[in-house]
Each structure stands twice: as structure tokens, then as C-alpha cells.
Amino acid sequence: MKICVTGSAGFITGYLVEDLLKAGHAVFGIDNYSKYGEISRSYDNHPNYHFVSGDAKNLDLLKSIVGQVEVLVAAAARIGGISYFHEYAYDLLAENERITAAAFDAALWARRERGLRRIVVISSSMVFEGATVFPTPEGAQLTSPPPHSTYGFQKLATEYFARGAWEQYQLPYTIVRPFNCVGIGEGRALNAPIILSGNVKLAMSHVLPDLVLKVLEGQDPLHILGSGEQVRHYTYGGDVALGIRLALESERTINDDVNISTGKSTTVLELAELIWKKINGSKPFRYVNDPAYPYDVQVRMPDVRKASDLLGFNATTTLDDVLNEVVPWIELQWKQGRM
């Protein structure tokens, strides 16, 4: 299958492109390197990978690519951690709306003129920011209070784009919602705000890399954002990529949505202690609590049964295995001055 992935130089998409190529698909990527700067990937010279350096808001450029494929994966977006949501509240909303509109305009044209089979929307667990039912099932985004953050609100809007394009133009869609994707390849964003957590500059205020960085720099006691009791489902990037691929390959997900996540709950404090022990061994674990950001959702816990039932998908990588891969990678980046 020929697949276009917008934002192909991103974090999740790095795992996704690799998985798609391994599965035998041809991948057409587009990215303007606006987040991390120009980077290289192990698959850059793969014969089935075709990359275009450009802006995903450039409709003519996007149409020239999407016109060649069967599936468009709309993944391009401005994204960061909690501090990023706060610092760029308007820019996130405005820029991501423009990116989303361009993707759907290109998909609608390609559906009409080239027979595009469907658009796959990479949404976010943040659409469930106001959820009160846990584990949170698909459909709760329609019954929960709307997200408070502009990022979560815009991600919910992408899902309405999909529903509207089907209702008016019969553009088939699939919506996938990754939860707390973790892995290697996530560095400090070029335009990330400088935020101090104790004596350490946060990398992205994404909890795992930031905690690793603080422990590597010898922070003691370790600064924890908020109470530490926040519940998350840290899902390995390779598992997320597999779930997205299975969703875009399946006819059972057409005009439907699916959560992609591990079923394992972990608090921020539990994660912090695991990281501490990986790096500091038996050194006593000490921490202090810093004030939380407004958009620090206390419980983000997905219902994962639908992905299992529809796709046979279950995230299998343990958090311990994730840390065994991620901690050495971040340590190398840190020593080389990239974090």
C-alpha cells in the first residue's frame, strides 16, 4: 500500500514510518523540520521511503504527494509538553487548525480525483481531558466536558473534521488516539520555552525525558511536577506504531475511532522512582513537589478493549523494557549536549 505520513520527522511518526516500511508499505513523508531541526533516520535511504522537505500547510505540495497514495496519515501538528501548551496556547490552536484544514482539503481532492481510500487522523488522549469515566472508552469525548487546553480542544476538532468530511463528502476516516507515547528520538524542541524545574531546564516537560534528565544531572531531591499521583499509561512508540498500522490496514476501523495504549497504569511518582533506581541504584529516593500546571490532567486511563477486539492489538512492551532503551539513549544525548 502507498501511504503518505505528514509530520514524518516527528516522534511518533519516526516509529510509524519504520513499522510501515518493515510491513512492506511504500511511505511518502513530508516535514519541514520545524520542531527538532533537520534529523536523520535509519530508514532515510530505504527504497520504499520517499521524503519531501516542506510545509504540511502547503496545499499544492500536499496534493502532489497525496495524489500518489491510497491512505493519508494526518500526523503533522505543533505539540509539546504541559509548559508548551501554556506558552503557545493560541499558536497551537491556530497553526494546528491550518495544518488540519490543509490535510483534509488535500484528502478530499485526492478522494475525488485520485481515489484516495481514507484519511487516518492521529488524535490524542487529550480529547479526554475532561473525562470522568475510567477506564475511558471511545465515545467519551462526545459526552465529557470539552478539553480545557487549546491543544486538547484542537485535537477534538480534528475528529470533527473527520466526521464532517464523511458526512458531507463521504471521505472515509479512521481516528487513532495514542496515550502517552514514550521511546527514543524525543529531544528538546527548537522553540521550546525555557522552564526550570529546580536547577534543571526541562527538555520538553514531557515527564519521562525530563525526569531522566534531572536524575542524570544529579538533582537530589528530585523535583516532581504536581503531586506525583497523576495516573498515566506510558506506551512504547513501537507498540503505538503497530496499533496505528493495524488500524489503517483494517476495514473494521473505517469511520470509527480507537484508543492505542497499554492497559497498565503508572503514577508519575512510580515512574520517577523507577528512573531513579535505573540511574542511581540503591541511593535513597528523595523528592519534592513543584506546583502543577493548569492542564496537568490527574487521571488519563484508556479503555483498551476496542483495539484488542477489533484489531487484535495489545501493547506488550513493559515500562521496565522502555526504560532500558530510553535511559541510555537520553544519557548519550545529554553527554553530547543535545538535551
Protein backbone atom coordinates (compact mmCIF):
# COMPACT_ATOMS: atom_id res chain seq x y z
CA MET A 1 0.00 0.00 0.00
CA LYS A 2 1.18 3.57 -0.67
CA ILE A 3 0.81 5.79 2.40
CA CYS A 4 1.52 9.47 2.98
CA VAL A 5 2.56 10.48 6.51
CA THR A 6 2.55 14.19 7.29
CA GLY A 7 4.93 15.31 10.04
CA SER A 8 7.04 12.26 9.22
CA ALA A 9 10.11 13.56 11.09
CA GLY A 10 8.21 13.66 14.37
CA PHE A 11 8.47 11.45 17.44
CA ILE A 12 5.56 9.02 16.99
CA THR A 13 5.90 9.12 13.21
CA GLY A 14 9.52 8.05 13.46
CA TYR A 15 8.30 4.77 14.89
CA LEU A 16 5.34 4.64 12.49
CA VAL A 17 7.34 5.11 9.28
CA GLU A 18 9.78 2.41 10.35
CA ASP A 19 6.93 -0.01 11.11
CA LEU A 20 5.14 0.71 7.83
CA LEU A 21 8.31 0.09 5.82
CA LYS A 22 9.01 -3.16 7.65
CA ALA A 23 5.46 -4.27 6.83
CA GLY A 24 6.13 -3.73 3.12
CA HIS A 25 4.31 -0.45 2.54
CA ALA A 26 5.64 2.43 0.44
CA VAL A 27 5.79 5.61 2.54
CA PHE A 28 5.74 9.20 1.33
CA GLY A 29 6.79 11.56 4.13
CA ILE A 30 6.55 15.33 4.42
CA ASP A 31 8.00 17.52 7.17
CA ASN A 32 9.54 20.97 7.46
CA TYR A 33 11.83 20.06 10.40
CA SER A 34 10.31 22.90 12.43
CA LYS A 35 10.36 21.04 15.75
CA TYR A 36 13.76 19.40 16.17
CA GLY A 37 15.63 20.74 13.16
CA GLU A 38 16.97 18.51 10.42
CA ILE A 39 17.45 14.97 11.65
CA SER A 40 18.40 11.64 10.08
CA ARG A 41 16.62 8.32 10.44
CA SER A 42 17.83 4.78 9.88
CA TYR A 43 15.36 4.35 7.02
CA ASP A 44 16.18 7.58 5.14
CA ASN A 45 17.70 5.61 2.25
CA HIS A 46 15.10 2.84 2.24
CA PRO A 47 13.96 2.25 -1.36
CA ASN A 48 10.29 2.49 -0.35
CA TYR A 49 10.67 5.76 1.57
CA HIS A 50 10.13 8.97 -0.34
CA PHE A 51 10.66 12.15 1.67
CA VAL A 52 9.76 15.72 0.76
CA SER A 53 11.04 18.62 2.85
CA GLY A 54 8.16 21.06 3.00
CA ASP A 55 5.31 22.58 4.96
CA ALA A 56 2.23 20.41 5.53
CA LYS A 57 0.12 23.58 5.18
CA ASN A 58 1.25 23.95 1.53
CA LEU A 59 -1.86 22.59 -0.17
CA ASP A 60 -0.38 22.34 -3.67
CA LEU A 61 2.65 20.44 -2.37
CA LEU A 62 0.45 18.20 -0.25
CA LYS A 63 -1.85 17.40 -3.18
CA SER A 64 1.14 16.44 -5.33
CA ILE A 65 2.03 13.80 -2.73
CA VAL A 66 -1.41 12.66 -1.59
CA GLY A 67 -2.44 12.20 -5.21
CA GLN A 68 0.01 9.28 -5.39
CA VAL A 69 -1.17 7.31 -2.35
CA GLU A 70 -4.07 5.25 -1.07
CA VAL A 71 -4.02 6.39 2.57
CA LEU A 72 -3.16 9.74 4.15
CA VAL A 73 -1.98 9.69 7.77
CA ALA A 74 -2.57 13.21 9.09
CA ALA A 75 0.02 13.39 11.86
CA ALA A 76 1.64 16.81 11.43
CA ALA A 77 1.00 19.16 14.36
CA ARG A 78 2.67 21.51 16.75
CA ILE A 79 2.98 19.63 20.01
CA GLY A 80 4.95 19.75 23.24
CA GLY A 81 4.60 19.08 26.92
CA ILE A 82 2.48 20.81 29.54
CA SER A 83 4.54 24.02 29.61
CA TYR A 84 4.34 24.13 25.80
CA PHE A 85 0.52 24.03 25.99
CA HIS A 86 0.62 27.01 28.32
CA GLU A 87 3.28 29.03 26.47
CA TYR A 88 1.79 28.63 23.00
CA ALA A 89 -1.93 28.42 23.74
CA TYR A 90 -3.01 30.45 20.70
CA ASP A 91 -0.30 29.29 18.28
CA LEU A 92 -1.11 25.63 18.93
CA LEU A 93 -4.76 26.19 18.16
CA ALA A 94 -4.29 28.40 15.10
CA GLU A 95 -1.37 26.55 13.49
CA ASN A 96 -2.84 23.10 14.05
CA GLU A 97 -6.18 24.19 12.58
CA ARG A 98 -4.36 25.35 9.44
CA ILE A 99 -2.43 22.08 9.23
CA THR A 100 -5.62 20.05 9.74
CA ALA A 101 -7.58 22.01 7.13
CA ALA A 102 -4.81 21.54 4.55
CA ALA A 103 -4.69 17.79 5.19
CA PHE A 104 -8.45 17.42 4.75
CA ASP A 105 -8.55 19.69 1.69
CA ALA A 106 -5.85 17.56 0.08
CA ALA A 107 -7.61 14.33 1.10
CA LEU A 108 -10.97 15.48 -0.27
CA TRP A 109 -9.34 16.41 -3.58
CA ALA A 110 -7.45 13.11 -3.75
CA ARG A 111 -10.59 11.15 -2.88
CA ARG A 112 -12.46 12.81 -5.73
CA GLU A 113 -9.67 12.92 -8.33
CA ARG A 114 -7.38 10.01 -7.44
CA GLY A 115 -9.47 7.55 -5.43
CA LEU A 116 -7.82 8.03 -2.03
CA ARG A 117 -9.15 5.26 0.18
CA ARG A 118 -9.17 7.03 3.55
CA ILE A 119 -7.62 9.56 5.90
CA VAL A 120 -6.18 8.39 9.22
CA VAL A 121 -6.28 11.10 11.89
CA ILE A 122 -3.70 10.98 14.68
CA SER A 123 -5.68 12.43 17.56
CA SER A 124 -4.68 12.45 21.23
CA SER A 125 -5.65 11.25 24.66
CA MET A 126 -6.05 14.95 25.48
CA VAL A 127 -9.53 14.86 23.94
CA PHE A 128 -10.44 13.07 27.19
CA GLU A 129 -9.05 15.91 29.33
CA GLY A 130 -12.44 16.39 30.99
CA ALA A 131 -13.35 12.69 31.25
CA THR A 132 -14.88 11.41 34.49
CA VAL A 133 -15.28 7.75 33.49
CA PHE A 134 -12.25 5.46 33.92
CA PRO A 135 -11.08 3.48 32.11
CA THR A 136 -12.23 5.93 29.42
CA PRO A 137 -13.85 4.31 26.38
CA GLU A 138 -14.07 5.57 22.84
CA GLY A 139 -17.12 7.80 22.59
CA ALA A 140 -16.47 9.54 25.91
CA GLN A 141 -15.10 12.55 24.01
CA LEU A 142 -18.71 13.23 22.98
CA THR A 143 -20.15 13.04 26.49
CA SER A 144 -17.33 14.58 28.57
CA PRO A 145 -16.84 18.30 29.19
CA PRO A 146 -14.72 19.81 26.41
CA PRO A 147 -10.95 19.93 26.92
CA HIS A 148 -9.62 22.94 28.82
CA SER A 149 -6.34 23.22 26.88
CA THR A 150 -6.33 24.66 23.39
CA TYR A 151 -4.27 21.65 22.30
CA GLY A 152 -6.85 19.15 23.53
CA PHE A 153 -9.67 21.23 22.08
CA GLN A 154 -7.97 21.35 18.67
CA LYS A 155 -7.35 17.61 18.69
CA LEU A 156 -11.04 17.12 19.33
CA ALA A 157 -11.67 19.44 16.37
CA THR A 158 -9.61 17.14 14.12
CA GLU A 159 -12.06 14.38 14.96
CA TYR A 160 -14.95 16.64 13.96
CA PHE A 161 -13.14 17.41 10.70
CA ALA A 162 -13.15 13.67 10.01
CA ARG A 163 -16.82 13.25 10.87
CA GLY A 164 -17.79 16.32 8.83
CA ALA A 165 -15.79 15.25 5.77
CA TRP A 166 -17.53 11.88 5.86
CA GLU A 167 -20.97 13.38 6.39
CA GLN A 168 -20.69 15.87 3.54
CA TYR A 169 -18.24 14.27 1.10
CA GLN A 170 -18.10 10.60 2.11
CA LEU A 171 -14.36 10.68 2.81
CA PRO A 172 -13.69 7.51 4.84
CA TYR A 173 -11.69 8.06 8.01
CA THR A 174 -10.08 6.32 10.94
CA ILE A 175 -9.27 8.12 14.20
CA VAL A 176 -6.49 6.79 16.43
CA ARG A 177 -5.65 8.13 19.89
CA PRO A 178 -2.19 7.31 21.25
CA PHE A 179 -1.76 7.56 25.01
CA ASN A 180 1.48 8.90 26.50
CA CYS A 181 3.85 7.59 23.84
CA VAL A 182 7.39 7.05 25.14
CA GLY A 183 10.61 5.97 23.47
CA ILE A 184 13.78 7.29 21.88
CA GLY A 185 14.04 10.16 19.44
CA GLU A 186 12.41 12.86 21.53
CA GLY A 187 14.74 15.79 22.13
CA ARG A 188 14.48 19.44 23.08
CA ALA A 189 12.24 21.28 20.64
CA LEU A 190 13.81 24.24 18.83
CA ASN A 191 11.19 26.69 20.06
CA ALA A 192 10.52 25.13 23.47
CA PRO A 193 10.15 27.62 26.32
CA ILE A 194 12.93 27.59 28.91
CA ILE A 195 11.37 26.19 32.08
CA LEU A 196 13.34 25.46 35.23
CA SER A 197 12.47 22.51 37.47
CA GLY A 198 14.71 23.01 40.45
CA ASN A 199 18.17 23.52 38.96
CA VAL A 200 17.42 21.75 35.64
CA LYS A 201 15.98 23.12 32.41
CA LEU A 202 13.12 20.92 31.28
CA ALA A 203 13.65 19.23 27.93
CA MET A 204 10.02 19.38 26.82
CA SER A 205 8.05 18.98 30.05
CA HIS A 206 7.23 15.51 28.77
CA VAL A 207 7.52 13.64 32.00
CA LEU A 208 9.78 10.69 31.12
CA PRO A 209 12.66 12.51 29.36
CA ASP A 210 12.50 15.35 31.85
CA LEU A 211 12.73 13.03 34.86
CA VAL A 212 15.62 11.12 33.29
CA LEU A 213 17.47 14.36 32.55
CA LYS A 214 17.02 15.65 36.10
CA VAL A 215 18.31 12.42 37.64
CA LEU A 216 21.28 12.33 35.23
CA GLU A 217 22.18 15.87 36.29
CA GLY A 218 22.23 14.74 39.90
CA GLN A 219 19.14 16.52 41.13
CA ASP A 220 18.52 15.44 44.74
CA PRO A 221 15.83 15.72 45.90
CA LEU A 222 14.11 15.12 42.58
CA HIS A 223 11.56 17.76 41.60
CA ILE A 224 8.18 16.23 40.72
CA LEU A 225 5.63 18.35 38.86
CA GLY A 226 2.41 18.30 40.86
CA SER A 227 1.51 15.69 43.46
CA GLY A 228 3.09 12.76 41.64
CA GLU A 229 -0.18 10.87 41.92
CA GLN A 230 -1.14 11.65 38.30
CA VAL A 231 -2.04 8.40 36.50
CA ARG A 232 -0.70 7.74 33.02
CA HIS A 233 -0.41 4.84 30.59
CA TYR A 234 3.13 5.03 29.20
CA THR A 235 3.01 3.27 25.85
CA TYR A 236 6.13 2.35 23.88
CA GLY A 237 6.47 4.04 20.50
CA GLY A 238 6.90 0.72 18.73
CA ASP A 239 3.62 -0.51 20.17
CA VAL A 240 1.86 2.74 19.22
CA ALA A 241 3.17 2.40 15.66
CA LEU A 242 1.92 -1.17 15.42
CA GLY A 243 -1.52 -0.12 16.65
CA ILE A 244 -1.74 2.70 14.11
CA ARG A 245 -0.64 0.41 11.29
CA LEU A 246 -3.16 -2.26 12.21
CA ALA A 247 -5.88 0.41 12.33
CA LEU A 248 -5.06 1.81 8.89
CA GLU A 249 -4.82 -1.67 7.36
CA SER A 250 -8.15 -2.85 8.77
CA GLU A 251 -11.54 -2.38 7.14
CA ARG A 252 -13.09 -2.70 10.61
CA THR A 253 -11.89 0.77 11.67
CA ILE A 254 -13.37 2.69 8.74
CA ASN A 255 -15.42 5.61 10.07
CA ASP A 256 -14.51 4.62 13.60
CA ASP A 257 -12.11 5.59 16.40
CA VAL A 258 -9.79 3.55 18.58
CA ASN A 259 -7.58 4.13 21.62
CA ILE A 260 -3.99 2.91 21.21
CA SER A 261 -2.40 2.29 24.59
CA THR A 262 -1.02 -0.09 27.13
CA GLY A 263 -3.53 -1.23 29.73
CA LYS A 264 -1.02 -0.63 32.56
CA SER A 265 -1.50 2.35 34.88
CA THR A 266 1.54 4.06 36.41
CA THR A 267 1.70 7.15 38.59
CA VAL A 268 4.29 9.86 37.92
CA LEU A 269 5.83 9.11 41.30
CA GLU A 270 6.15 5.40 40.46
CA LEU A 271 7.81 6.32 37.16
CA ALA A 272 10.17 8.71 38.92
CA GLU A 273 11.28 6.06 41.39
CA LEU A 274 11.86 3.52 38.60
CA ILE A 275 14.05 6.03 36.74
CA TRP A 276 15.90 6.95 39.93
CA LYS A 277 16.77 3.31 40.61
CA LYS A 278 17.87 2.73 36.99
CA ILE A 279 20.39 5.56 37.28
CA ASN A 280 21.21 5.85 40.99
CA GLY A 281 20.93 2.23 42.10
CA SER A 282 20.39 1.91 45.84
CA LYS A 283 20.78 5.62 46.60
CA PRO A 284 17.75 6.66 48.71
CA PHE A 285 14.97 8.14 46.60
CA ARG A 286 14.06 11.68 47.68
CA TYR A 287 11.70 14.10 46.02
CA VAL A 288 9.89 17.41 46.40
CA ASN A 289 6.68 18.57 44.75
CA ASP A 290 6.58 21.60 42.44
CA PRO A 291 3.35 23.44 41.59
CA ALA A 292 1.38 21.77 38.80
CA TYR A 293 0.43 23.39 35.51
CA PRO A 294 -3.27 24.07 34.85
CA TYR A 295 -3.50 21.35 32.17
CA ASP A 296 -1.88 18.60 34.22
CA VAL A 297 -4.72 16.08 33.95
CA GLN A 298 -4.85 13.93 37.08
CA VAL A 299 -6.10 10.69 35.51
CA ARG A 300 -5.61 9.63 31.91
CA MET A 301 -6.67 5.98 31.77
CA PRO A 302 -7.93 4.47 28.50
CA ASP A 303 -10.23 1.59 27.90
CA VAL A 304 -8.16 -0.61 25.56
CA ARG A 305 -10.67 -3.36 24.82
CA LYS A 306 -11.79 -1.99 21.46
CA ALA A 307 -8.30 -2.13 19.95
CA SER A 308 -7.94 -5.67 21.21
CA ASP A 309 -11.34 -6.77 19.91
CA LEU A 310 -11.18 -5.03 16.51
CA LEU A 311 -7.50 -5.35 15.71
CA GLY A 312 -6.06 -7.98 17.99
CA PHE A 313 -3.78 -5.21 19.27
CA ASN A 314 -2.28 -5.31 22.74
CA ALA A 315 0.71 -3.21 23.81
CA THR A 316 3.27 -5.70 25.12
CA THR A 317 6.40 -3.65 25.92
CA THR A 318 6.83 -3.21 29.66
CA LEU A 319 7.81 0.09 31.21
CA ASP A 320 10.99 -1.54 32.51
CA ASP A 321 11.95 -2.52 28.96
CA VAL A 322 11.14 1.01 27.77
CA LEU A 323 13.46 2.50 30.39
CA ASN A 324 16.24 0.05 29.49
CA GLU A 325 16.14 1.55 25.99
CA VAL A 326 15.32 5.16 26.71
CA VAL A 327 17.60 5.96 29.67
CA PRO A 328 20.87 5.10 27.84
CA TRP A 329 19.69 6.98 24.75
CA ILE A 330 18.88 10.13 26.73
CA GLU A 331 22.17 9.83 28.62
CA LEU A 332 24.06 9.78 25.31
CA GLN A 333 22.13 12.81 24.01
CA TRP A 334 22.79 14.63 27.29
CA LYS A 335 26.53 13.94 27.16
CA GLN A 336 26.60 15.19 23.58
CA GLY A 337 24.83 18.42 24.57
CA ARG A 338 21.59 17.71 22.69
CA MET A 339 19.26 17.70 25.71
